[in-house]
Amino acid sequence: MRDIIKDSALVLAEKIRCGEIKIVEVLDAVYESEKQNKELNCFITLCRDRAYSKGTEIQKRIDAGEYISPLAGVPIGIKDNIAVKDVKMTCGSRMLENYVPPVSAAAVEKLEEAGLIIVGKLNMDEFAMGSSTENSHFKPTKNPFDTERIPGGSSGGSAAAVAAREAIVTLGSDTGGSIRQPAAFCGVTGIKPTYSRVSRFGLVAFASSLDQIGSIGLDAHDC
């Protein structure tokens, strides 16, 4: 089952588009990693029911011959300082452990319009203030290559989840290295976009004039 999600996001999306695999199979493979997540602690919140509902909707559109985007049907994880409507957003903090945002971040809305499927919210240093993902109320995230080592931060959950294939691609946020450093620590690729290239609406910022939402994937093509 896990072999289904070993490919890059673009390859996986092409297999979905061609009917070689179904979105439900991909989601089954992602959520099969839940036992692994208990060890690595990449996710704070899993949105299983929401993901399967969105997956069914996207699969029907693909089966009907509709082209949605190059990444339609691909599971994505979202750092837990980026709002997803009706899904808890904790920022890695006890203060917000039960906060549920009423709207989604602009970047999240665009991803869902493109047919990507949110599978959960990812662990982080509290309020993005850290570089190791050890400073989370929800316990540290571990590096999937060596659980005695840190995954970097503050987007450590986002980087570790891609490396462990608990998500195919992820969103993180970067002020002074918080995407790029954990991506390097976990052997994946992270991009901090040029300021204003990606809307910060719905991001709980560390330093507003420096923060960007960016992507993490296996390679630059996926990012």
Protein backbone atom coordinates (compact mmCIF):
# COMPACT_ATOMS: atom_id res chain seq x y z
CA MET A 1 0.00 0.00 0.00
CA ARG A 2 2.78 2.44 0.93
CA ASP A 3 4.41 1.94 -2.48
CA ILE A 4 1.53 3.95 -3.98
CA ILE A 5 2.89 7.17 -2.45
CA LYS A 6 6.61 6.73 -3.05
CA ASP A 7 6.41 8.83 -6.24
CA SER A 8 6.65 12.58 -6.57
CA ALA A 9 3.47 14.65 -6.51
CA LEU A 10 3.51 15.24 -10.28
CA VAL A 11 3.93 11.53 -11.07
CA LEU A 12 1.22 10.60 -8.57
CA ALA A 13 -1.20 13.15 -10.02
CA GLU A 14 -0.61 11.80 -13.53
CA LYS A 15 -1.41 8.26 -12.35
CA ILE A 16 -4.63 9.54 -10.79
CA ARG A 17 -5.53 11.46 -13.94
CA CYS A 18 -4.94 8.38 -16.11
CA GLY A 19 -7.01 6.15 -13.84
CA GLU A 20 -4.06 3.98 -12.85
CA ILE A 21 -4.87 4.58 -9.19
CA LYS A 22 -7.80 6.11 -7.32
CA ILE A 23 -7.64 8.98 -4.87
CA VAL A 24 -9.14 6.80 -2.12
CA GLU A 25 -6.20 4.41 -2.49
CA VAL A 26 -3.76 7.28 -2.12
CA LEU A 27 -5.54 8.53 1.01
CA ASP A 28 -5.62 5.01 2.44
CA ALA A 29 -1.85 4.83 1.95
CA VAL A 30 -1.30 8.22 3.59
CA TYR A 31 -3.44 7.41 6.61
CA GLU A 32 -1.84 3.98 6.93
CA SER A 33 1.16 5.91 8.21
CA GLU A 34 -0.74 6.93 11.37
CA LYS A 35 1.28 4.46 13.46
CA GLN A 36 4.46 6.01 12.09
CA ASN A 37 3.10 9.46 12.98
CA LYS A 38 2.86 8.41 16.63
CA GLU A 39 6.62 7.95 16.54
CA LEU A 40 7.56 10.97 14.42
CA ASN A 41 4.77 13.33 15.57
CA CYS A 42 4.54 15.21 12.26
CA PHE A 43 0.82 15.97 12.58
CA ILE A 44 -1.10 17.77 15.30
CA THR A 45 -4.51 17.22 13.69
CA LEU A 46 -5.61 14.72 11.04
CA CYS A 47 -8.73 15.59 9.00
CA ARG A 48 -9.59 12.14 7.72
CA ASP A 49 -13.33 12.60 7.08
CA ARG A 50 -12.80 15.94 5.35
CA ALA A 51 -10.06 14.45 3.16
CA TYR A 52 -12.13 11.47 2.01
CA SER A 53 -15.11 13.73 1.28
CA LYS A 54 -12.98 16.10 -0.81
CA GLY A 55 -11.28 13.12 -2.47
CA THR A 56 -14.59 11.64 -3.56
CA GLU A 57 -15.62 14.99 -5.03
CA ILE A 58 -12.35 15.39 -6.98
CA GLN A 59 -12.43 11.77 -8.20
CA LYS A 60 -15.91 12.26 -9.69
CA ARG A 61 -14.70 15.32 -11.59
CA ILE A 62 -11.64 13.49 -12.91
CA ASP A 63 -13.72 10.42 -13.88
CA ALA A 64 -16.02 12.78 -15.80
CA GLY A 65 -13.05 13.88 -17.90
CA GLU A 66 -12.51 17.25 -16.26
CA TYR A 67 -8.95 18.58 -16.12
CA ILE A 68 -8.52 20.43 -12.82
CA SER A 69 -4.79 21.05 -12.38
CA PRO A 70 -1.41 19.25 -12.63
CA LEU A 71 -1.72 18.22 -8.95
CA ALA A 72 -5.41 17.33 -8.64
CA GLY A 73 -5.98 14.51 -6.16
CA VAL A 74 -2.63 14.89 -4.39
CA PRO A 75 -2.69 14.88 -0.55
CA ILE A 76 -1.15 17.92 1.13
CA GLY A 77 -0.37 18.75 4.75
CA ILE A 78 -0.63 22.29 6.11
CA LYS A 79 1.56 23.84 8.81
CA ASP A 80 -0.57 24.58 11.84
CA ASN A 81 -0.19 28.35 11.67
CA ILE A 82 -2.03 28.48 8.32
CA ALA A 83 -5.82 28.56 8.54
CA VAL A 84 -8.03 25.79 7.15
CA LYS A 85 -11.72 26.51 7.64
CA ASP A 86 -13.38 24.36 10.33
CA VAL A 87 -10.10 22.56 11.19
CA LYS A 88 -8.23 23.33 14.42
CA MET A 89 -5.29 25.73 14.12
CA THR A 90 -3.08 25.61 17.20
CA CYS A 91 0.19 27.26 16.11
CA GLY A 92 1.82 24.59 18.28
CA SER A 93 0.51 26.38 21.39
CA ARG A 94 -1.62 25.35 24.34
CA MET A 95 -3.30 28.77 24.17
CA LEU A 96 -4.86 27.92 20.78
CA GLU A 97 -5.28 24.15 21.14
CA ASN A 98 -9.06 24.38 20.58
CA TYR A 99 -9.19 27.32 18.15
CA VAL A 100 -11.09 26.66 14.91
CA PRO A 101 -10.76 29.36 12.22
CA PRO A 102 -13.94 30.47 10.39
CA VAL A 103 -12.11 30.94 7.05
CA SER A 104 -9.25 29.36 5.12
CA ALA A 105 -6.01 31.09 4.20
CA ALA A 106 -5.90 32.40 0.63
CA ALA A 107 -3.16 29.89 -0.24
CA VAL A 108 -5.28 27.02 1.11
CA GLU A 109 -8.29 28.16 -0.92
CA LYS A 110 -6.20 28.18 -4.09
CA LEU A 111 -4.83 24.70 -3.37
CA GLU A 112 -8.30 23.28 -2.83
CA GLU A 113 -9.55 24.97 -6.01
CA ALA A 114 -6.70 23.15 -7.77
CA GLY A 115 -7.94 19.83 -6.40
CA LEU A 116 -5.32 19.13 -3.74
CA ILE A 117 -6.64 17.35 -0.65
CA ILE A 118 -5.75 18.48 2.86
CA VAL A 119 -4.95 15.51 5.09
CA GLY A 120 -3.99 17.32 8.29
CA LYS A 121 -2.26 20.14 10.17
CA LEU A 122 1.46 19.83 10.85
CA ASN A 123 3.54 20.28 13.97
CA MET A 124 5.74 23.33 14.47
CA ASP A 125 7.67 25.33 17.03
CA GLU A 126 5.15 27.34 19.05
CA PHE A 127 4.12 30.42 17.04
CA ALA A 128 6.97 29.56 14.63
CA MET A 129 9.51 30.74 17.21
CA GLY A 130 12.19 28.08 16.96
CA SER A 131 14.42 26.15 14.59
CA SER A 132 14.07 22.56 15.77
CA THR A 133 10.33 21.72 16.22
CA GLU A 134 11.18 20.77 19.79
CA ASN A 135 9.26 23.78 21.13
CA SER A 136 5.69 22.62 20.49
CA HIS A 137 3.01 22.10 23.12
CA PHE A 138 2.18 18.92 21.21
CA LYS A 139 5.63 17.35 21.77
CA PRO A 140 8.64 17.42 19.42
CA THR A 141 8.70 16.15 15.86
CA LYS A 142 11.50 13.68 15.08
CA ASN A 143 13.63 13.38 11.97
CA PRO A 144 12.44 10.33 9.96
CA PHE A 145 16.03 9.46 8.98
CA ASP A 146 17.21 9.35 12.59
CA THR A 147 14.68 9.76 15.41
CA GLU A 148 17.47 10.85 17.76
CA ARG A 149 17.92 13.98 15.65
CA ILE A 150 15.77 17.07 15.09
CA PRO A 151 13.96 17.75 11.79
CA GLY A 152 14.76 21.46 11.90
CA GLY A 153 12.14 24.15 12.27
CA SER A 154 9.93 25.86 12.64
CA SER A 155 8.28 23.92 9.77
CA GLY A 156 9.74 20.63 11.01
CA GLY A 157 6.44 18.79 10.81
CA SER A 158 6.02 19.90 7.20
CA ALA A 159 9.48 18.70 6.16
CA ALA A 160 9.43 15.45 8.14
CA ALA A 161 5.99 14.53 6.77
CA VAL A 162 7.22 14.78 3.17
CA ALA A 163 10.40 12.83 3.93
CA ALA A 164 8.38 10.09 5.69
CA ARG A 165 5.66 10.16 2.95
CA GLU A 166 3.01 10.99 5.52
CA ALA A 167 2.08 13.75 3.08
CA ILE A 168 3.07 14.11 -0.56
CA VAL A 169 3.64 17.86 -0.42
CA THR A 170 3.19 20.38 2.38
CA LEU A 171 2.93 24.08 3.14
CA GLY A 172 5.21 25.75 5.65
CA SER A 173 6.06 29.32 6.59
CA ASP A 174 9.48 30.94 6.50
CA THR A 175 10.72 34.05 8.29
CA GLY A 176 14.47 33.48 8.43
CA GLY A 177 14.84 29.88 7.29
CA SER A 178 11.85 28.03 8.71
CA ILE A 179 11.09 26.19 5.43
CA ARG A 180 14.57 25.94 3.98
CA GLN A 181 16.39 24.72 7.08
CA PRO A 182 14.04 21.80 7.96
CA ALA A 183 13.84 20.83 4.28
CA ALA A 184 17.64 20.53 4.28
CA PHE A 185 17.64 18.60 7.58
CA CYS A 186 15.09 16.10 6.21
CA GLY A 187 16.56 15.69 2.72
CA VAL A 188 13.67 17.27 0.81
CA THR A 189 13.17 20.55 -1.09
CA GLY A 190 11.68 23.74 0.31
CA ILE A 191 11.03 27.10 -1.33
CA LYS A 192 10.57 30.49 0.31
CA PRO A 193 8.83 32.56 -2.39
CA THR A 194 9.58 36.19 -3.10
CA TYR A 195 7.71 38.47 -0.69
CA SER A 196 4.10 39.10 -1.82
CA ARG A 197 4.23 36.27 -4.38
CA VAL A 198 1.95 34.22 -2.09
CA SER A 199 -0.76 35.89 -0.01
CA ARG A 200 -0.17 35.86 3.75
CA PHE A 201 -3.91 36.12 4.46
CA GLY A 202 -4.73 33.40 6.99
CA LEU A 203 -1.15 32.99 8.21
CA VAL A 204 -0.42 33.62 11.88
CA ALA A 205 2.76 35.55 11.32
CA PHE A 206 5.98 35.58 13.33
CA ALA A 207 7.21 38.83 11.72
CA SER A 208 4.71 40.08 9.17
CA SER A 209 7.10 41.92 6.87
CA LEU A 210 9.43 38.89 6.65
CA ASP A 211 7.05 35.89 6.62
CA GLN A 212 6.11 33.93 3.54
CA ILE A 213 4.03 30.82 2.98
CA GLY A 214 5.99 28.33 0.87
CA SER A 215 6.05 24.75 -0.26
CA ILE A 216 7.96 21.58 0.61
CA GLY A 217 8.17 18.57 -1.70
CA LEU A 218 10.49 15.81 -2.81
CA ASP A 219 12.02 18.03 -5.49
CA ALA A 220 11.85 21.47 -7.07
CA HIS A 221 9.25 20.34 -9.64
CA ASP A 222 6.81 19.40 -6.88
CA CYS A 223 7.45 22.66 -5.02
